[in-house]
Amino acid sequence: MTSDQRRRRPDAPAVRVYELAPVRKLGLESVARSAGLHPDLVRRMVTLGLVDATRDPAGRLWFDPSAPRTLARIQRLRAGLPLNYASIGLVLDLLDRISLLESALRRTGARSDDLPWT
C-alpha cells in the first residue's frame, strides 16, 4: 500500500498521477548503503509497509529517490522512542497528516496558535 493510498479518504475518488519525466529508481543495495542499513532490514521494512518499493519482473526491489530519507526517519524514530516497527508506521502516518494540515494552514494564511484547541 502506498502512502497516497493510506492518506486517501475511503469515499474520495482515486487520483491518477502521470509522470512528465521518468523518475530514476534506486536499487536495494544503493538504498541500503545510503541509509546505512543492511539490505535484509530494508526488505523487512518494505514487507511491513514502512517504505514503498516496486518489484520488476525479476523480483528486484526498486525505490523512489526519497526512500533513504524515509529510512533515516524510521531509524531516528526507532532510536529515539521505544517503539516497534508497527508503531513507527502509525507515527509516520500521523506525522504525514500533521504536515498536510500545517501546509493547508499556511495556504489559508491562518496560524495554528491563532486557532482554538477545541
C-alpha atoms as a PDB file:
ATOM      1  CA  MET A   1       0.000   0.000   0.000  1.00  0.00           C
ATOM      2  CA  THR A   2       1.461   3.353  -0.968  1.00  0.00           C
ATOM      3  CA  SER A   3       1.421   6.417   1.231  1.00  0.00           C
ATOM      4  CA  ASP A   4      -1.112   8.033  -1.152  1.00  0.00           C
ATOM      5  CA  GLN A   5      -3.470   5.095  -0.668  1.00  0.00           C
ATOM      6  CA  ARG A   6      -3.146   5.341   3.123  1.00  0.00           C
ATOM      7  CA  ARG A   7      -3.820   9.083   3.074  1.00  0.00           C
ATOM      8  CA  ARG A   8      -6.842   8.985   0.761  1.00  0.00           C
ATOM      9  CA  ARG A   9     -10.283   9.003   2.350  1.00  0.00           C
ATOM     10  CA  PRO A  10     -12.310   5.871   1.574  1.00  0.00           C
ATOM     11  CA  ASP A  11     -15.074   7.918  -0.074  1.00  0.00           C
ATOM     12  CA  ALA A  12     -12.690  10.061  -2.160  1.00  0.00           C
ATOM     13  CA  PRO A  13     -12.157   9.144  -5.807  1.00  0.00           C
ATOM     14  CA  ALA A  14      -8.765   7.744  -6.765  1.00  0.00           C
ATOM     15  CA  VAL A  15      -6.392  10.296  -8.266  1.00  0.00           C
ATOM     16  CA  ARG A  16      -4.204   9.324 -11.183  1.00  0.00           C
ATOM     17  CA  VAL A  17      -0.688  10.717 -11.296  1.00  0.00           C
ATOM     18  CA  TYR A  18       1.121  10.857 -14.607  1.00  0.00           C
ATOM     19  CA  GLU A  19       4.876  11.284 -14.715  1.00  0.00           C
ATOM     20  CA  LEU A  20       6.058  14.044 -17.027  1.00  0.00           C
ATOM     21  CA  ALA A  21       9.600  12.735 -16.914  1.00  0.00           C
ATOM     22  CA  PRO A  22      10.725   9.302 -15.810  1.00  0.00           C
ATOM     23  CA  VAL A  23      11.867   9.198 -12.199  1.00  0.00           C
ATOM     24  CA  ARG A  24      15.155   7.423 -11.636  1.00  0.00           C
ATOM     25  CA  LYS A  25      14.562   4.494  -9.305  1.00  0.00           C
ATOM     26  CA  LEU A  26      17.159   3.275  -6.815  1.00  0.00           C
ATOM     27  CA  GLY A  27      18.086  -0.355  -6.290  1.00  0.00           C
ATOM     28  CA  LEU A  28      18.035  -2.162  -2.955  1.00  0.00           C
ATOM     29  CA  GLU A  29      21.810  -2.137  -2.487  1.00  0.00           C
ATOM     30  CA  SER A  30      22.188   1.593  -3.132  1.00  0.00           C
ATOM     31  CA  VAL A  31      19.262   2.470  -0.853  1.00  0.00           C
ATOM     32  CA  ALA A  32      20.594   0.246   1.938  1.00  0.00           C
ATOM     33  CA  ARG A  33      24.113   1.670   1.567  1.00  0.00           C
ATOM     34  CA  SER A  34      22.951   5.297   1.581  1.00  0.00           C
ATOM     35  CA  ALA A  35      20.732   4.664   4.622  1.00  0.00           C
ATOM     36  CA  GLY A  36      23.487   2.740   6.432  1.00  0.00           C
ATOM     37  CA  LEU A  37      21.282  -0.343   6.830  1.00  0.00           C
ATOM     38  CA  HIS A  38      21.572  -3.999   5.915  1.00  0.00           C
ATOM     39  CA  PRO A  39      19.561  -4.907   2.786  1.00  0.00           C
ATOM     40  CA  ASP A  40      17.623  -7.539   4.764  1.00  0.00           C
ATOM     41  CA  LEU A  41      16.386  -4.842   7.160  1.00  0.00           C
ATOM     42  CA  VAL A  42      15.300  -2.701   4.213  1.00  0.00           C
ATOM     43  CA  ARG A  43      13.419  -5.704   2.777  1.00  0.00           C
ATOM     44  CA  ARG A  44      11.707  -6.186   6.149  1.00  0.00           C
ATOM     45  CA  MET A  45      10.648  -2.535   6.215  1.00  0.00           C
ATOM     46  CA  VAL A  46       9.167  -2.936   2.723  1.00  0.00           C
ATOM     47  CA  THR A  47       7.277  -6.030   3.900  1.00  0.00           C
ATOM     48  CA  LEU A  48       5.934  -4.103   6.898  1.00  0.00           C
ATOM     49  CA  GLY A  49       4.778  -1.281   4.607  1.00  0.00           C
ATOM     50  CA  LEU A  50       7.058   1.345   6.131  1.00  0.00           C
ATOM     51  CA  VAL A  51       8.830   2.066   2.828  1.00  0.00           C
ATOM     52  CA  ASP A  52       7.292   1.948  -0.637  1.00  0.00           C
ATOM     53  CA  ALA A  53       9.012  -0.111  -3.326  1.00  0.00           C
ATOM     54  CA  THR A  54       8.114  -1.702  -6.621  1.00  0.00           C
ATOM     55  CA  ARG A  55       9.263  -5.035  -7.995  1.00  0.00           C
ATOM     56  CA  ASP A  56      10.447  -5.603 -11.530  1.00  0.00           C
ATOM     57  CA  PRO A  57       9.670  -8.841 -13.396  1.00  0.00           C
ATOM     58  CA  ALA A  58      12.835 -10.414 -11.965  1.00  0.00           C
ATOM     59  CA  GLY A  59      11.615  -9.702  -8.409  1.00  0.00           C
ATOM     60  CA  ARG A  60      14.178  -6.997  -7.594  1.00  0.00           C
ATOM     61  CA  LEU A  61      13.087  -4.080  -5.417  1.00  0.00           C
ATOM     62  CA  TRP A  62      13.220  -0.520  -6.787  1.00  0.00           C
ATOM     63  CA  PHE A  63      12.743   2.589  -4.656  1.00  0.00           C
ATOM     64  CA  ASP A  64      11.899   6.236  -5.185  1.00  0.00           C
ATOM     65  CA  PRO A  65      14.756   8.687  -4.569  1.00  0.00           C
ATOM     66  CA  SER A  66      13.083   9.697  -1.273  1.00  0.00           C
ATOM     67  CA  ALA A  67      13.464   6.190   0.218  1.00  0.00           C
ATOM     68  CA  PRO A  68      16.813   6.820   2.002  1.00  0.00           C
ATOM     69  CA  ARG A  69      15.287   9.868   3.694  1.00  0.00           C
ATOM     70  CA  THR A  70      12.291   7.789   4.818  1.00  0.00           C
ATOM     71  CA  LEU A  71      14.572   5.041   6.122  1.00  0.00           C
ATOM     72  CA  ALA A  72      16.638   7.591   8.057  1.00  0.00           C
ATOM     73  CA  ARG A  73      13.440   8.968   9.576  1.00  0.00           C
ATOM     74  CA  ILE A  74      12.398   5.467  10.630  1.00  0.00           C
ATOM     75  CA  GLN A  75      15.781   4.847  12.229  1.00  0.00           C
ATOM     76  CA  ARG A  76      15.637   8.159  14.138  1.00  0.00           C
ATOM     77  CA  LEU A  77      12.185   7.289  15.467  1.00  0.00           C
ATOM     78  CA  ARG A  78      13.312   3.779  16.397  1.00  0.00           C
ATOM     79  CA  ALA A  79      16.404   5.082  18.211  1.00  0.00           C
ATOM     80  CA  GLY A  80      14.617   7.954  19.970  1.00  0.00           C
ATOM     81  CA  LEU A  81      11.418   6.235  21.041  1.00  0.00           C
ATOM     82  CA  PRO A  82      10.798   2.770  22.477  1.00  0.00           C
ATOM     83  CA  LEU A  83       8.521   1.757  19.582  1.00  0.00           C
ATOM     84  CA  ASN A  84       8.237  -1.352  17.472  1.00  0.00           C
ATOM     85  CA  TYR A  85       8.036  -1.100  13.691  1.00  0.00           C
ATOM     86  CA  ALA A  86       4.229  -1.341  13.605  1.00  0.00           C
ATOM     87  CA  SER A  87       4.015   1.658  15.945  1.00  0.00           C
ATOM     88  CA  ILE A  88       6.513   3.541  13.825  1.00  0.00           C
ATOM     89  CA  GLY A  89       4.204   3.077  10.844  1.00  0.00           C
ATOM     90  CA  LEU A  90       1.420   4.746  12.789  1.00  0.00           C
ATOM     91  CA  VAL A  91       3.734   7.587  13.879  1.00  0.00           C
ATOM     92  CA  LEU A  92       4.847   8.126  10.265  1.00  0.00           C
ATOM     93  CA  ASP A  93       1.230   8.314   9.121  1.00  0.00           C
ATOM     94  CA  LEU A  94       0.418  10.818  11.868  1.00  0.00           C
ATOM     95  CA  LEU A  95       3.473  12.952  11.057  1.00  0.00           C
ATOM     96  CA  ASP A  96       2.485  12.971   7.371  1.00  0.00           C
ATOM     97  CA  ARG A  97      -1.034  14.017   8.342  1.00  0.00           C
ATOM     98  CA  ILE A  98       0.287  16.816  10.563  1.00  0.00           C
ATOM     99  CA  SER A  99       2.458  18.020   7.694  1.00  0.00           C
ATOM    100  CA  LEU A 100      -0.550  18.105   5.358  1.00  0.00           C
ATOM    101  CA  LEU A 101      -2.621  20.025   7.903  1.00  0.00           C
ATOM    102  CA  GLU A 102       0.163  22.534   8.541  1.00  0.00           C
ATOM    103  CA  SER A 103       0.615  23.163   4.823  1.00  0.00           C
ATOM    104  CA  ALA A 104      -3.149  23.680   4.494  1.00  0.00           C
ATOM    105  CA  LEU A 105      -2.986  26.210   7.331  1.00  0.00           C
ATOM    106  CA  ARG A 106      -0.111  28.026   5.618  1.00  0.00           C
ATOM    107  CA  ARG A 107      -2.078  28.197   2.361  1.00  0.00           C
ATOM    108  CA  THR A 108      -5.041  29.812   4.126  1.00  0.00           C
ATOM    109  CA  GLY A 109      -2.798  32.248   5.962  1.00  0.00           C
ATOM    110  CA  ALA A 110      -4.014  31.081   9.375  1.00  0.00           C
ATOM    111  CA  ARG A 111      -1.583  30.365  12.158  1.00  0.00           C
ATOM    112  CA  SER A 112      -2.043  27.306  14.313  1.00  0.00           C
ATOM    113  CA  ASP A 113      -1.603  29.310  17.538  1.00  0.00           C
ATOM    114  CA  ASP A 114      -4.493  31.601  16.454  1.00  0.00           C
ATOM    115  CA  LEU A 115      -6.962  28.703  16.341  1.00  0.00           C
ATOM    116  CA  PRO A 116      -8.640  27.333  19.456  1.00  0.00           C
ATOM    117  CA  TRP A 117      -7.764  23.794  20.537  1.00  0.00           C
ATOM    118  CA  THR A 118     -11.371  22.645  20.604  1.00  0.00           C
END
